[in-house]
Amino acid sequence: MLLCTGPSCCTPEAGQAAWEALKQQIKERGLAAGDNACFRTKVGCLRVCCQGPMLVVYPEGAWYRGMTAERIPEFVQQHLVEGQPVAEQVFACNPLTADRP
């Protein structure tokens, strides 16, 4: 997963708060290592510069908007733990497939 921390789509403070929440939730739920590891990267821009922080999850290609620190726990539980994207926060879906690198 890639999390944009601004500054164009959100303030750097909001982006950093979301990043810290994401790291904490992944650690607390045991998703930092092992068979169920979820890898995360903090980026400066995903080129969708509105309603941030922005987050994209691959391989399913779910693009999220408004991923504030307050929304991260629901995202981690529903998408990463239960395997169901949070539909009301997803604005695009571009999955990676065998015919599309």
PDB file of N, CA and C in Angstrom:
ATOM      1  N   MET A   1       0.836  -1.156   0.000  1.00  0.00           N
ATOM      2  CA  MET A   1       0.000   0.000   0.000  1.00  0.00           C
ATOM      3  C   MET A   1       0.885   1.224   0.000  1.00  0.00           C
ATOM      4  N   LEU A   2       0.387   2.257  -0.693  1.00  0.00           N
ATOM      5  CA  LEU A   2       1.087   3.530  -0.786  1.00  0.00           C
ATOM      6  C   LEU A   2       0.192   4.604  -0.192  1.00  0.00           C
ATOM      7  N   LEU A   3       0.725   5.396   0.734  1.00  0.00           N
ATOM      8  CA  LEU A   3      -0.029   6.465   1.371  1.00  0.00           C
ATOM      9  C   LEU A   3       0.616   7.791   1.033  1.00  0.00           C
ATOM     10  N   CYS A   4      -0.145   8.661   0.374  1.00  0.00           N
ATOM     11  CA  CYS A   4       0.326  10.006   0.070  1.00  0.00           C
ATOM     12  C   CYS A   4       0.166  10.869   1.309  1.00  0.00           C
ATOM     13  N   THR A   5       1.218  11.563   1.678  1.00  0.00           N
ATOM     14  CA  THR A   5       1.179  12.393   2.878  1.00  0.00           C
ATOM     15  C   THR A   5       1.181  13.884   2.551  1.00  0.00           C
ATOM     16  N   GLY A   6       0.811  14.241   1.331  1.00  0.00           N
ATOM     17  CA  GLY A   6       0.686  15.648   0.960  1.00  0.00           C
ATOM     18  C   GLY A   6       1.985  16.210   0.409  1.00  0.00           C
ATOM     19  N   PRO A   7       2.037  17.485   0.142  1.00  0.00           N
ATOM     20  CA  PRO A   7       1.222  18.545   0.702  1.00  0.00           C
ATOM     21  C   PRO A   7       0.081  19.034  -0.182  1.00  0.00           C
ATOM     22  N   SER A   8      -0.082  18.513  -1.385  1.00  0.00           N
ATOM     23  CA  SER A   8      -1.111  19.058  -2.272  1.00  0.00           C
ATOM     24  C   SER A   8      -2.520  18.568  -1.953  1.00  0.00           C
ATOM     25  N   CYS A   9      -2.674  17.314  -1.540  1.00  0.00           N
ATOM     26  CA  CYS A   9      -4.011  16.768  -1.278  1.00  0.00           C
ATOM     27  C   CYS A   9      -4.439  16.937   0.174  1.00  0.00           C
ATOM     28  N   CYS A  10      -3.481  17.207   1.044  1.00  0.00           N
ATOM     29  CA  CYS A  10      -3.766  17.390   2.469  1.00  0.00           C
ATOM     30  C   CYS A  10      -2.592  18.128   3.092  1.00  0.00           C
ATOM     31  N   THR A  11      -2.759  18.561   4.311  1.00  0.00           N
ATOM     32  CA  THR A  11      -1.638  19.195   4.997  1.00  0.00           C
ATOM     33  C   THR A  11      -0.615  18.125   5.366  1.00  0.00           C
ATOM     34  N   PRO A  12       0.658  18.500   5.424  1.00  0.00           N
ATOM     35  CA  PRO A  12       1.660  17.521   5.857  1.00  0.00           C
ATOM     36  C   PRO A  12       1.355  16.939   7.237  1.00  0.00           C
ATOM     37  N   GLU A  13       0.758  17.721   8.106  1.00  0.00           N
ATOM     38  CA  GLU A  13       0.411  17.237   9.443  1.00  0.00           C
ATOM     39  C   GLU A  13      -0.650  16.137   9.376  1.00  0.00           C
ATOM     40  N   ALA A  14      -1.666  16.338   8.539  1.00  0.00           N
ATOM     41  CA  ALA A  14      -2.709  15.317   8.379  1.00  0.00           C
ATOM     42  C   ALA A  14      -2.133  14.062   7.742  1.00  0.00           C
ATOM     43  N   GLY A  15      -1.256  14.235   6.762  1.00  0.00           N
ATOM     44  CA  GLY A  15      -0.621  13.089   6.118  1.00  0.00           C
ATOM     45  C   GLY A  15       0.246  12.302   7.080  1.00  0.00           C
ATOM     46  N   GLN A  16       1.019  13.000   7.891  1.00  0.00           N
ATOM     47  CA  GLN A  16       1.881  12.323   8.857  1.00  0.00           C
ATOM     48  C   GLN A  16       1.062  11.626   9.934  1.00  0.00           C
ATOM     49  N   ALA A  17      -0.023  12.239  10.358  1.00  0.00           N
ATOM     50  CA  ALA A  17      -0.895  11.605  11.356  1.00  0.00           C
ATOM     51  C   ALA A  17      -1.494  10.311  10.797  1.00  0.00           C
ATOM     52  N   ALA A  18      -1.907  10.330   9.529  1.00  0.00           N
ATOM     53  CA  ALA A  18      -2.444   9.118   8.897  1.00  0.00           C
ATOM     54  C   ALA A  18      -1.365   8.045   8.816  1.00  0.00           C
ATOM     55  N   TRP A  19      -0.148   8.429   8.472  1.00  0.00           N
ATOM     56  CA  TRP A  19       0.972   7.496   8.384  1.00  0.00           C
ATOM     57  C   TRP A  19       1.237   6.837   9.733  1.00  0.00           C
ATOM     58  N   GLU A  20       1.267   7.641  10.778  1.00  0.00           N
ATOM     59  CA  GLU A  20       1.516   7.104  12.120  1.00  0.00           C
ATOM     60  C   GLU A  20       0.393   6.155  12.533  1.00  0.00           C
ATOM     61  N   ALA A  21      -0.843   6.506  12.226  1.00  0.00           N
ATOM     62  CA  ALA A  21      -1.985   5.641  12.548  1.00  0.00           C
ATOM     63  C   ALA A  21      -1.899   4.332  11.777  1.00  0.00           C
ATOM     64  N   LEU A  22      -1.520   4.398  10.498  1.00  0.00           N
ATOM     65  CA  LEU A  22      -1.391   3.189   9.687  1.00  0.00           C
ATOM     66  C   LEU A  22      -0.310   2.273  10.252  1.00  0.00           C
ATOM     67  N   LYS A  23       0.849   2.829  10.576  1.00  0.00           N
ATOM     68  CA  LYS A  23       1.926   2.020  11.166  1.00  0.00           C
ATOM     69  C   LYS A  23       1.469   1.352  12.452  1.00  0.00           C
ATOM     70  N   GLN A  24       0.808   2.119  13.308  1.00  0.00           N
ATOM     71  CA  GLN A  24       0.363   1.593  14.603  1.00  0.00           C
ATOM     72  C   GLN A  24      -0.666   0.486  14.434  1.00  0.00           C
ATOM     73  N   GLN A  25      -1.648   0.692  13.564  1.00  0.00           N
ATOM     74  CA  GLN A  25      -2.694  -0.314  13.354  1.00  0.00           C
ATOM     75  C   GLN A  25      -2.118  -1.605  12.774  1.00  0.00           C
ATOM     76  N   ILE A  26      -1.199  -1.479  11.842  1.00  0.00           N
ATOM     77  CA  ILE A  26      -0.575  -2.666  11.253  1.00  0.00           C
ATOM     78  C   ILE A  26       0.194  -3.442  12.322  1.00  0.00           C
ATOM     79  N   LYS A  27       0.911  -2.722  13.152  1.00  0.00           N
ATOM     80  CA  LYS A  27       1.661  -3.366  14.234  1.00  0.00           C
ATOM     81  C   LYS A  27       0.713  -4.036  15.234  1.00  0.00           C
ATOM     82  N   GLU A  28      -0.315  -3.302  15.679  1.00  0.00           N
ATOM     83  CA  GLU A  28      -1.246  -3.822  16.685  1.00  0.00           C
ATOM     84  C   GLU A  28      -1.997  -5.061  16.210  1.00  0.00           C
ATOM     85  N   ARG A  29      -2.272  -5.150  14.933  1.00  0.00           N
ATOM     86  CA  ARG A  29      -3.054  -6.271  14.398  1.00  0.00           C
ATOM     87  C   ARG A  29      -2.184  -7.402  13.863  1.00  0.00           C
ATOM     88  N   GLY A  30      -0.877  -7.326  14.111  1.00  0.00           N
ATOM     89  CA  GLY A  30       0.028  -8.401  13.716  1.00  0.00           C
ATOM     90  C   GLY A  30       0.229  -8.523  12.216  1.00  0.00           C
ATOM     91  N   LEU A  31       0.119  -7.409  11.502  1.00  0.00           N
ATOM     92  CA  LEU A  31       0.248  -7.432  10.047  1.00  0.00           C
ATOM     93  C   LEU A  31       1.599  -6.908   9.564  1.00  0.00           C
ATOM     94  N   ALA A  32       2.553  -6.757  10.480  1.00  0.00           N
ATOM     95  CA  ALA A  32       3.849  -6.194  10.108  1.00  0.00           C
ATOM     96  C   ALA A  32       4.826  -7.240   9.582  1.00  0.00           C
ATOM     97  N   ALA A  33       4.573  -8.507   9.848  1.00  0.00           N
ATOM     98  CA  ALA A  33       5.495  -9.563   9.422  1.00  0.00           C
ATOM     99  C   ALA A  33       4.731 -10.876   9.309  1.00  0.00           C
ATOM    100  N   GLY A  34       5.398 -11.852   8.742  1.00  0.00           N
ATOM    101  CA  GLY A  34       4.796 -13.174   8.639  1.00  0.00           C
ATOM    102  C   GLY A  34       3.976 -13.356   7.386  1.00  0.00           C
ATOM    103  N   ASP A  35       3.178 -14.419   7.369  1.00  0.00           N
ATOM    104  CA  ASP A  35       2.389 -14.765   6.188  1.00  0.00           C
ATOM    105  C   ASP A  35       1.357 -13.710   5.805  1.00  0.00           C
ATOM    106  N   ASN A  36       0.883 -12.945   6.781  1.00  0.00           N
ATOM    107  CA  ASN A  36      -0.142 -11.930   6.519  1.00  0.00           C
ATOM    108  C   ASN A  36       0.422 -10.513   6.477  1.00  0.00           C
ATOM    109  N   ALA A  37       1.717 -10.383   6.238  1.00  0.00           N
ATOM    110  CA  ALA A  37       2.360  -9.068   6.256  1.00  0.00           C
ATOM    111  C   ALA A  37       1.753  -8.141   5.211  1.00  0.00           C
ATOM    112  N   CYS A  38       1.540  -6.905   5.623  1.00  0.00           N
ATOM    113  CA  CYS A  38       1.067  -5.849   4.728  1.00  0.00           C
ATOM    114  C   CYS A  38       2.176  -4.804   4.653  1.00  0.00           C
ATOM    115  N   PHE A  39       2.695  -4.607   3.468  1.00  0.00           N
ATOM    116  CA  PHE A  39       3.794  -3.674   3.293  1.00  0.00           C
ATOM    117  C   PHE A  39       3.252  -2.302   2.951  1.00  0.00           C
ATOM    118  N   ARG A  40       3.877  -1.276   3.503  1.00  0.00           N
ATOM    119  CA  ARG A  40       3.409   0.092   3.322  1.00  0.00           C
ATOM    120  C   ARG A  40       4.580   0.992   2.965  1.00  0.00           C
ATOM    121  N   THR A  41       4.265   2.016   2.180  1.00  0.00           N
ATOM    122  CA  THR A  41       5.249   3.016   1.801  1.00  0.00           C
ATOM    123  C   THR A  41       4.596   4.385   1.864  1.00  0.00           C
ATOM    124  N   LYS A  42       5.322   5.337   2.412  1.00  0.00           N
ATOM    125  CA  LYS A  42       4.872   6.724   2.479  1.00  0.00           C
ATOM    126  C   LYS A  42       5.411   7.433   1.239  1.00  0.00           C
ATOM    127  N   VAL A  43       4.528   8.117   0.504  1.00  0.00           N
ATOM    128  CA  VAL A  43       4.940   8.838  -0.697  1.00  0.00           C
ATOM    129  C   VAL A  43       4.500  10.295  -0.597  1.00  0.00           C
ATOM    130  N   GLY A  44       5.170  11.145  -1.369  1.00  0.00           N
ATOM    131  CA  GLY A  44       4.864  12.572  -1.356  1.00  0.00           C
ATOM    132  C   GLY A  44       3.711  12.953  -2.270  1.00  0.00           C
ATOM    133  N   CYS A  45       3.423  12.126  -3.288  1.00  0.00           N
ATOM    134  CA  CYS A  45       2.346  12.488  -4.198  1.00  0.00           C
ATOM    135  C   CYS A  45       1.918  11.275  -5.019  1.00  0.00           C
ATOM    136  N   LEU A  46       0.614  11.053  -5.104  1.00  0.00           N
ATOM    137  CA  LEU A  46       0.046  10.014  -5.973  1.00  0.00           C
ATOM    138  C   LEU A  46      -0.662  10.640  -7.175  1.00  0.00           C
ATOM    139  N   ARG A  47      -0.506  11.944  -7.351  1.00  0.00           N
ATOM    140  CA  ARG A  47      -1.024  12.699  -8.499  1.00  0.00           C
ATOM    141  C   ARG A  47      -2.548  12.795  -8.539  1.00  0.00           C
ATOM    142  N   VAL A  48      -3.192  12.563  -7.425  1.00  0.00           N
ATOM    143  CA  VAL A  48      -4.628  12.815  -7.277  1.00  0.00           C
ATOM    144  C   VAL A  48      -4.700  13.814  -6.121  1.00  0.00           C
ATOM    145  N   CYS A  49      -4.641  15.068  -6.460  1.00  0.00           N
ATOM    146  CA  CYS A  49      -4.379  16.103  -5.454  1.00  0.00           C
ATOM    147  C   CYS A  49      -5.641  16.748  -4.878  1.00  0.00           C
ATOM    148  N   CYS A  50      -6.552  15.916  -4.393  1.00  0.00           N
ATOM    149  CA  CYS A  50      -7.732  16.432  -3.710  1.00  0.00           C
ATOM    150  C   CYS A  50      -8.259  15.358  -2.759  1.00  0.00           C
ATOM    151  N   GLN A  51      -8.892  15.795  -1.707  1.00  0.00           N
ATOM    152  CA  GLN A  51      -9.518  14.904  -0.729  1.00  0.00           C
ATOM    153  C   GLN A  51      -8.548  13.899  -0.115  1.00  0.00           C
ATOM    154  N   GLY A  52      -7.337  14.318   0.157  1.00  0.00           N
ATOM    155  CA  GLY A  52      -6.350  13.438   0.746  1.00  0.00           C
ATOM    156  C   GLY A  52      -6.486  13.356   2.250  1.00  0.00           C
ATOM    157  N   PRO A  53      -5.644  12.586   2.864  1.00  0.00           N
ATOM    158  CA  PRO A  53      -4.592  11.744   2.311  1.00  0.00           C
ATOM    159  C   PRO A  53      -5.153  10.633   1.412  1.00  0.00           C
ATOM    160  N   MET A  54      -4.406  10.363   0.351  1.00  0.00           N
ATOM    161  CA  MET A  54      -4.763   9.328  -0.610  1.00  0.00           C
ATOM    162  C   MET A  54      -4.043   8.038  -0.243  1.00  0.00           C
ATOM    163  N   LEU A  55      -4.672   6.904  -0.557  1.00  0.00           N
ATOM    164  CA  LEU A  55      -4.086   5.598  -0.273  1.00  0.00           C
ATOM    165  C   LEU A  55      -4.462   4.654  -1.401  1.00  0.00           C
ATOM    166  N   VAL A  56      -3.492   3.890  -1.897  1.00  0.00           N
ATOM    167  CA  VAL A  56      -3.786   2.875  -2.906  1.00  0.00           C
ATOM    168  C   VAL A  56      -3.257   1.541  -2.391  1.00  0.00           C
ATOM    169  N   VAL A  57      -4.065   0.490  -2.590  1.00  0.00           N
ATOM    170  CA  VAL A  57      -3.731  -0.849  -2.115  1.00  0.00           C
ATOM    171  C   VAL A  57      -3.613  -1.773  -3.324  1.00  0.00           C
ATOM    172  N   TYR A  58      -2.471  -2.431  -3.448  1.00  0.00           N
ATOM    173  CA  TYR A  58      -2.259  -3.407  -4.519  1.00  0.00           C
ATOM    174  C   TYR A  58      -2.055  -4.780  -3.921  1.00  0.00           C
ATOM    175  N   PRO A  59      -2.464  -5.850  -4.631  1.00  0.00           N
ATOM    176  CA  PRO A  59      -2.697  -5.937  -6.065  1.00  0.00           C
ATOM    177  C   PRO A  59      -4.112  -5.573  -6.503  1.00  0.00           C
ATOM    178  N   GLU A  60      -5.047  -5.385  -5.548  1.00  0.00           N
ATOM    179  CA  GLU A  60      -6.425  -5.125  -5.957  1.00  0.00           C
ATOM    180  C   GLU A  60      -6.629  -3.740  -6.558  1.00  0.00           C
ATOM    181  N   GLY A  61      -5.700  -2.823  -6.351  1.00  0.00           N
ATOM    182  CA  GLY A  61      -5.778  -1.506  -6.963  1.00  0.00           C
ATOM    183  C   GLY A  61      -6.904  -0.643  -6.442  1.00  0.00           C
ATOM    184  N   ALA A  62      -7.225  -0.764  -5.170  1.00  0.00           N
ATOM    185  CA  ALA A  62      -8.274   0.054  -4.557  1.00  0.00           C
ATOM    186  C   ALA A  62      -7.682   1.409  -4.167  1.00  0.00           C
ATOM    187  N   TRP A  63      -8.257   2.483  -4.720  1.00  0.00           N
ATOM    188  CA  TRP A  63      -7.824   3.852  -4.445  1.00  0.00           C
ATOM    189  C   TRP A  63      -8.786   4.484  -3.445  1.00  0.00           C
ATOM    190  N   TYR A  64      -8.215   4.954  -2.337  1.00  0.00           N
ATOM    191  CA  TYR A  64      -8.989   5.563  -1.256  1.00  0.00           C
ATOM    192  C   TYR A  64      -8.711   7.055  -1.170  1.00  0.00           C
ATOM    193  N   ARG A  65      -9.733   7.812  -0.766  1.00  0.00           N
ATOM    194  CA  ARG A  65      -9.571   9.241  -0.508  1.00  0.00           C
ATOM    195  C   ARG A  65      -9.936   9.520   0.943  1.00  0.00           C
ATOM    196  N   GLY A  66      -9.451  10.636   1.439  1.00  0.00           N
ATOM    197  CA  GLY A  66      -9.806  11.056   2.794  1.00  0.00           C
ATOM    198  C   GLY A  66      -9.356  10.111   3.881  1.00  0.00           C
ATOM    199  N   MET A  67      -8.189   9.506   3.708  1.00  0.00           N
ATOM    200  CA  MET A  67      -7.715   8.515   4.680  1.00  0.00           C
ATOM    201  C   MET A  67      -7.001   9.184   5.852  1.00  0.00           C
ATOM    202  N   THR A  68      -7.793   9.875   6.636  1.00  0.00           N
ATOM    203  CA  THR A  68      -7.280  10.543   7.826  1.00  0.00           C
ATOM    204  C   THR A  68      -6.938   9.512   8.896  1.00  0.00           C
ATOM    205  N   ALA A  69      -6.231   9.974   9.903  1.00  0.00           N
ATOM    206  CA  ALA A  69      -5.872   9.087  11.013  1.00  0.00           C
ATOM    207  C   ALA A  69      -7.108   8.455  11.637  1.00  0.00           C
ATOM    208  N   GLU A  70      -8.209   9.179  11.649  1.00  0.00           N
ATOM    209  CA  GLU A  70      -9.450   8.661  12.243  1.00  0.00           C
ATOM    210  C   GLU A  70     -10.059   7.536  11.410  1.00  0.00           C
ATOM    211  N   ARG A  71      -9.826   7.521  10.105  1.00  0.00           N
ATOM    212  CA  ARG A  71     -10.396   6.497   9.230  1.00  0.00           C
ATOM    213  C   ARG A  71      -9.502   5.264   9.079  1.00  0.00           C
ATOM    214  N   ILE A  72      -8.268   5.377   9.456  1.00  0.00           N
ATOM    215  CA  ILE A  72      -7.314   4.272   9.267  1.00  0.00           C
ATOM    216  C   ILE A  72      -7.734   3.004  10.009  1.00  0.00           C
ATOM    217  N   PRO A  73      -8.163   3.053  11.270  1.00  0.00           N
ATOM    218  CA  PRO A  73      -8.534   1.802  11.951  1.00  0.00           C
ATOM    219  C   PRO A  73      -9.628   1.016  11.224  1.00  0.00           C
ATOM    220  N   GLU A  74     -10.655   1.694  10.734  1.00  0.00           N
ATOM    221  CA  GLU A  74     -11.720   1.007   9.992  1.00  0.00           C
ATOM    222  C   GLU A  74     -11.159   0.376   8.716  1.00  0.00           C
ATOM    223  N   PHE A  75     -10.311   1.121   8.004  1.00  0.00           N
ATOM    224  CA  PHE A  75      -9.689   0.603   6.784  1.00  0.00           C
ATOM    225  C   PHE A  75      -8.875  -0.657   7.070  1.00  0.00           C
ATOM    226  N   VAL A  76      -8.036  -0.599   8.094  1.00  0.00           N
ATOM    227  CA  VAL A  76      -7.187  -1.753   8.416  1.00  0.00           C
ATOM    228  C   VAL A  76      -8.052  -2.959   8.763  1.00  0.00           C
ATOM    229  N   GLN A  77      -9.038  -2.766   9.605  1.00  0.00           N
ATOM    230  CA  GLN A  77      -9.904  -3.884   9.997  1.00  0.00           C
ATOM    231  C   GLN A  77     -10.662  -4.451   8.800  1.00  0.00           C
ATOM    232  N   GLN A  78     -11.353  -3.583   8.078  1.00  0.00           N
ATOM    233  CA  GLN A  78     -12.228  -4.063   7.016  1.00  0.00           C
ATOM    234  C   GLN A  78     -11.455  -4.538   5.780  1.00  0.00           C
ATOM    235  N   HIS A  79     -10.495  -3.745   5.316  1.00  0.00           N
ATOM    236  CA  HIS A  79      -9.815  -4.114   4.071  1.00  0.00           C
ATOM    237  C   HIS A  79      -8.683  -5.111   4.308  1.00  0.00           C
ATOM    238  N   LEU A  80      -7.793  -4.816   5.243  1.00  0.00           N
ATOM    239  CA  LEU A  80      -6.623  -5.664   5.421  1.00  0.00           C
ATOM    240  C   LEU A  80      -6.908  -6.933   6.215  1.00  0.00           C
ATOM    241  N   VAL A  81      -7.725  -6.849   7.243  1.00  0.00           N
ATOM    242  CA  VAL A  81      -8.018  -8.021   8.070  1.00  0.00           C
ATOM    243  C   VAL A  81      -9.145  -8.863   7.450  1.00  0.00           C
ATOM    244  N   GLU A  82     -10.262  -8.201   7.088  1.00  0.00           N
ATOM    245  CA  GLU A  82     -11.428  -8.926   6.582  1.00  0.00           C
ATOM    246  C   GLU A  82     -11.435  -9.109   5.071  1.00  0.00           C
ATOM    247  N   GLY A  83     -10.575  -8.382   4.365  1.00  0.00           N
ATOM    248  CA  GLY A  83     -10.485  -8.534   2.918  1.00  0.00           C
ATOM    249  C   GLY A  83     -11.589  -7.860   2.120  1.00  0.00           C
ATOM    250  N   GLN A  84     -12.278  -6.887   2.726  1.00  0.00           N
ATOM    251  CA  GLN A  84     -13.361  -6.173   2.043  1.00  0.00           C
ATOM    252  C   GLN A  84     -13.039  -4.682   1.985  1.00  0.00           C
ATOM    253  N   PRO A  85     -12.863  -4.133   0.794  1.00  0.00           N
ATOM    254  CA  PRO A  85     -12.615  -2.686   0.707  1.00  0.00           C
ATOM    255  C   PRO A  85     -13.729  -1.879   1.366  1.00  0.00           C
ATOM    256  N   VAL A  86     -13.385  -0.713   1.867  1.00  0.00           N
ATOM    257  CA  VAL A  86     -14.350   0.188   2.490  1.00  0.00           C
ATOM    258  C   VAL A  86     -14.979   0.993   1.349  1.00  0.00           C
ATOM    259  N   ALA A  87     -16.094   0.503   0.836  1.00  0.00           N
ATOM    260  CA  ALA A  87     -16.687   1.002  -0.410  1.00  0.00           C
ATOM    261  C   ALA A  87     -16.919   2.507  -0.423  1.00  0.00           C
ATOM    262  N   GLU A  88     -17.381   3.085   0.672  1.00  0.00           N
ATOM    263  CA  GLU A  88     -17.688   4.512   0.673  1.00  0.00           C
ATOM    264  C   GLU A  88     -16.450   5.396   0.596  1.00  0.00           C
ATOM    265  N   GLN A  89     -15.261   4.826   0.764  1.00  0.00           N
ATOM    266  CA  GLN A  89     -14.031   5.604   0.677  1.00  0.00           C
ATOM    267  C   GLN A  89     -13.232   5.304  -0.588  1.00  0.00           C
ATOM    268  N   VAL A  90     -13.603   4.263  -1.328  1.00  0.00           N
ATOM    269  CA  VAL A  90     -12.901   3.900  -2.566  1.00  0.00           C
ATOM    270  C   VAL A  90     -13.487   4.722  -3.709  1.00  0.00           C
ATOM    271  N   PHE A  91     -12.617   5.393  -4.473  1.00  0.00           N
ATOM    272  CA  PHE A  91     -13.101   6.175  -5.603  1.00  0.00           C
ATOM    273  C   PHE A  91     -12.683   5.601  -6.946  1.00  0.00           C
ATOM    274  N   ALA A  92     -11.770   4.626  -6.964  1.00  0.00           N
ATOM    275  CA  ALA A  92     -11.359   3.976  -8.209  1.00  0.00           C
ATOM    276  C   ALA A  92     -10.793   2.605  -7.878  1.00  0.00           C
ATOM    277  N   CYS A  93     -10.866   1.717  -8.851  1.00  0.00           N
ATOM    278  CA  CYS A  93     -10.310   0.382  -8.678  1.00  0.00           C
ATOM    279  C   CYS A  93      -9.620  -0.031  -9.975  1.00  0.00           C
ATOM    280  N   ASN A  94      -8.308  -0.224  -9.884  1.00  0.00           N
ATOM    281  CA  ASN A  94      -7.497  -0.600 -11.036  1.00  0.00           C
ATOM    282  C   ASN A  94      -6.601  -1.770 -10.638  1.00  0.00           C
ATOM    283  N   PRO A  95      -7.154  -2.979 -10.588  1.00  0.00           N
ATOM    284  CA  PRO A  95      -6.371  -4.126 -10.121  1.00  0.00           C
ATOM    285  C   PRO A  95      -5.251  -4.509 -11.084  1.00  0.00           C
ATOM    286  N   LEU A  96      -4.196  -5.052 -10.494  1.00  0.00           N
ATOM    287  CA  LEU A  96      -3.145  -5.654 -11.304  1.00  0.00           C
ATOM    288  C   LEU A  96      -3.613  -7.041 -11.708  1.00  0.00           C
ATOM    289  N   THR A  97      -3.441  -7.400 -12.956  1.00  0.00           N
ATOM    290  CA  THR A  97      -3.819  -8.714 -13.436  1.00  0.00           C
ATOM    291  C   THR A  97      -2.672  -9.297 -14.229  1.00  0.00           C
ATOM    292  N   ALA A  98      -2.779 -10.566 -14.588  1.00  0.00           N
ATOM    293  CA  ALA A  98      -1.723 -11.226 -15.336  1.00  0.00           C
ATOM    294  C   ALA A  98      -1.488 -10.561 -16.693  1.00  0.00           C
ATOM    295  N   ASP A  99      -2.530 -10.011 -17.300  1.00  0.00           N
ATOM    296  CA  ASP A  99      -2.375  -9.362 -18.603  1.00  0.00           C
ATOM    297  C   ASP A  99      -2.097  -7.877 -18.505  1.00  0.00           C
ATOM    298  N   ARG A 100      -2.016  -7.362 -17.282  1.00  0.00           N
ATOM    299  CA  ARG A 100      -1.759  -5.930 -17.071  1.00  0.00           C
ATOM    300  C   ARG A 100      -0.733  -5.757 -15.964  1.00  0.00           C
ATOM    301  N   PRO A 101       0.520  -5.517 -16.311  1.00  0.00           N
ATOM    302  CA  PRO A 101       1.576  -5.411 -15.287  1.00  0.00           C
ATOM    303  C   PRO A 101       1.400  -4.224 -14.373  1.00  0.00           C
TER     304      PRO A 101
END
